[in-house]
Amino acid sequence: MNKLIALICVISWSGFWAFGYLALSASSADARQMTMAALLAAAGFLTGTFAYMALVRRHP
């Protein structure tokens, strides 16, 4: 189970960084693309944080 949580953590954080970069580098004229990338980055951040906290709780 720890390996699955660790995999989710890694994928979530990589999604956060990838979509965060896309949100920051999108042109200001394309607000829809910027908003979608920011929402996906936020989802990656939240999922990565919760997965990391679950790993930390399992190994004190």
N, C-alpha and C. Protein backbone atom coordinates (compact mmCIF):
# COMPACT_ATOMS: atom_id res chain seq x y z
N MET A 1 0.82 -1.19 0.00
CA MET A 1 0.00 0.00 0.00
C MET A 1 0.86 1.26 0.00
N ASN A 2 2.01 1.19 0.70
CA ASN A 2 2.89 2.36 0.74
C ASN A 2 3.45 2.70 -0.64
N LYS A 3 3.71 1.67 -1.44
CA LYS A 3 4.24 1.93 -2.79
C LYS A 3 3.19 2.61 -3.65
N LEU A 4 1.94 2.24 -3.49
CA LEU A 4 0.86 2.89 -4.25
C LEU A 4 0.72 4.35 -3.84
N ILE A 5 0.76 4.61 -2.55
CA ILE A 5 0.66 6.00 -2.07
C ILE A 5 1.86 6.81 -2.54
N ALA A 6 3.05 6.20 -2.53
CA ALA A 6 4.25 6.89 -3.01
C ALA A 6 4.14 7.19 -4.50
N LEU A 7 3.61 6.27 -5.27
CA LEU A 7 3.42 6.49 -6.70
C LEU A 7 2.43 7.63 -6.95
N ILE A 8 1.34 7.64 -6.21
CA ILE A 8 0.35 8.72 -6.32
C ILE A 8 0.99 10.05 -5.96
N CYS A 9 1.83 10.05 -4.94
CA CYS A 9 2.52 11.27 -4.51
C CYS A 9 3.41 11.80 -5.63
N VAL A 10 4.19 10.94 -6.23
CA VAL A 10 5.11 11.37 -7.29
C VAL A 10 4.36 11.88 -8.51
N ILE A 11 3.34 11.17 -8.91
CA ILE A 11 2.56 11.58 -10.08
C ILE A 11 1.84 12.90 -9.82
N SER A 12 1.32 13.06 -8.62
CA SER A 12 0.61 14.29 -8.28
C SER A 12 1.54 15.49 -8.27
N TRP A 13 2.72 15.34 -7.68
CA TRP A 13 3.65 16.46 -7.64
C TRP A 13 4.18 16.79 -9.03
N SER A 14 4.39 15.78 -9.86
CA SER A 14 4.84 16.08 -11.22
C SER A 14 3.75 16.79 -12.01
N GLY A 15 2.49 16.41 -11.78
CA GLY A 15 1.38 17.13 -12.40
C GLY A 15 1.28 18.55 -11.91
N PHE A 16 1.53 18.75 -10.62
CA PHE A 16 1.52 20.11 -10.07
C PHE A 16 2.55 20.99 -10.76
N TRP A 17 3.78 20.49 -10.89
CA TRP A 17 4.83 21.29 -11.50
C TRP A 17 4.58 21.51 -12.99
N ALA A 18 4.11 20.48 -13.68
CA ALA A 18 3.88 20.61 -15.13
C ALA A 18 2.74 21.59 -15.41
N PHE A 19 1.62 21.41 -14.74
CA PHE A 19 0.48 22.29 -15.00
C PHE A 19 0.68 23.68 -14.39
N GLY A 20 1.45 23.74 -13.32
CA GLY A 20 1.79 25.05 -12.78
C GLY A 20 2.62 25.87 -13.76
N TYR A 21 3.57 25.20 -14.39
CA TYR A 21 4.37 25.89 -15.41
C TYR A 21 3.48 26.33 -16.58
N LEU A 22 2.58 25.45 -17.00
CA LEU A 22 1.69 25.83 -18.10
C LEU A 22 0.80 27.00 -17.73
N ALA A 23 0.34 27.03 -16.48
CA ALA A 23 -0.51 28.14 -16.04
C ALA A 23 0.28 29.45 -16.02
N LEU A 24 1.53 29.38 -15.59
CA LEU A 24 2.34 30.60 -15.53
C LEU A 24 2.84 31.07 -16.89
N SER A 25 3.03 30.13 -17.80
CA SER A 25 3.57 30.51 -19.10
C SER A 25 2.50 30.74 -20.17
N ALA A 26 1.23 30.53 -19.83
CA ALA A 26 0.16 30.75 -20.81
C ALA A 26 0.03 32.24 -21.08
N SER A 27 -0.36 32.56 -22.29
CA SER A 27 -0.53 33.97 -22.63
C SER A 27 -1.76 34.52 -21.90
N SER A 28 -1.69 35.78 -21.56
CA SER A 28 -2.78 36.38 -20.80
C SER A 28 -4.06 36.50 -21.64
N ALA A 29 -3.94 36.39 -22.96
CA ALA A 29 -5.11 36.46 -23.82
C ALA A 29 -5.95 35.20 -23.74
N ASP A 30 -5.33 34.08 -23.37
CA ASP A 30 -6.04 32.81 -23.30
C ASP A 30 -6.33 32.47 -21.84
N ALA A 31 -7.32 33.13 -21.28
CA ALA A 31 -7.65 32.98 -19.86
C ALA A 31 -8.21 31.60 -19.55
N ARG A 32 -8.91 31.00 -20.51
CA ARG A 32 -9.49 29.68 -20.27
C ARG A 32 -8.41 28.61 -20.08
N GLN A 33 -7.37 28.67 -20.92
CA GLN A 33 -6.26 27.72 -20.79
C GLN A 33 -5.52 27.94 -19.47
N MET A 34 -5.34 29.18 -19.10
CA MET A 34 -4.64 29.50 -17.86
C MET A 34 -5.44 29.00 -16.65
N THR A 35 -6.74 29.18 -16.68
CA THR A 35 -7.59 28.74 -15.57
C THR A 35 -7.60 27.23 -15.45
N MET A 36 -7.71 26.53 -16.56
CA MET A 36 -7.73 25.07 -16.52
C MET A 36 -6.41 24.51 -16.01
N ALA A 37 -5.31 25.08 -16.46
CA ALA A 37 -4.00 24.63 -15.99
C ALA A 37 -3.83 24.92 -14.50
N ALA A 38 -4.33 26.06 -14.04
CA ALA A 38 -4.23 26.40 -12.62
C ALA A 38 -5.08 25.45 -11.77
N LEU A 39 -6.25 25.07 -12.25
CA LEU A 39 -7.09 24.13 -11.52
C LEU A 39 -6.44 22.75 -11.46
N LEU A 40 -5.85 22.31 -12.55
CA LEU A 40 -5.16 21.02 -12.54
C LEU A 40 -3.91 21.05 -11.65
N ALA A 41 -3.23 22.18 -11.63
CA ALA A 41 -2.07 22.32 -10.74
C ALA A 41 -2.52 22.29 -9.28
N ALA A 42 -3.63 22.92 -8.98
CA ALA A 42 -4.15 22.91 -7.61
C ALA A 42 -4.57 21.50 -7.20
N ALA A 43 -5.18 20.77 -8.12
CA ALA A 43 -5.55 19.38 -7.82
C ALA A 43 -4.31 18.52 -7.57
N GLY A 44 -3.27 18.72 -8.35
CA GLY A 44 -2.02 18.00 -8.13
C GLY A 44 -1.37 18.36 -6.80
N PHE A 45 -1.45 19.64 -6.45
CA PHE A 45 -0.90 20.08 -5.17
C PHE A 45 -1.64 19.44 -4.00
N LEU A 46 -2.95 19.46 -4.04
CA LEU A 46 -3.73 18.90 -2.94
C LEU A 46 -3.55 17.39 -2.83
N THR A 47 -3.60 16.70 -3.96
CA THR A 47 -3.42 15.26 -3.95
C THR A 47 -2.02 14.88 -3.49
N GLY A 48 -1.02 15.60 -3.97
CA GLY A 48 0.35 15.32 -3.56
C GLY A 48 0.58 15.58 -2.08
N THR A 49 -0.02 16.63 -1.57
CA THR A 49 0.12 16.94 -0.15
C THR A 49 -0.53 15.88 0.71
N PHE A 50 -1.74 15.47 0.36
CA PHE A 50 -2.42 14.45 1.15
C PHE A 50 -1.71 13.10 1.06
N ALA A 51 -1.17 12.76 -0.10
CA ALA A 51 -0.43 11.51 -0.24
C ALA A 51 0.86 11.55 0.58
N TYR A 52 1.53 12.69 0.57
CA TYR A 52 2.76 12.82 1.36
C TYR A 52 2.44 12.70 2.85
N MET A 53 1.38 13.35 3.28
CA MET A 53 1.00 13.26 4.70
C MET A 53 0.61 11.84 5.09
N ALA A 54 -0.01 11.10 4.18
CA ALA A 54 -0.35 9.71 4.46
C ALA A 54 0.92 8.87 4.61
N LEU A 55 1.93 9.14 3.79
CA LEU A 55 3.20 8.42 3.92
C LEU A 55 3.91 8.77 5.22
N VAL A 56 3.87 10.02 5.60
CA VAL A 56 4.55 10.45 6.82
C VAL A 56 3.87 9.83 8.05
N ARG A 57 2.56 9.75 8.03
CA ARG A 57 1.85 9.15 9.17
C ARG A 57 2.16 7.67 9.32
N ARG A 58 2.43 6.99 8.22
CA ARG A 58 2.71 5.55 8.28
C ARG A 58 4.11 5.26 8.79
N HIS A 59 5.05 6.18 8.60
CA HIS A 59 6.44 5.98 9.05
C HIS A 59 6.86 7.13 9.95
N PRO A 60 6.64 7.00 11.25
CA PRO A 60 6.99 8.11 12.17
C PRO A 60 8.48 8.33 12.31
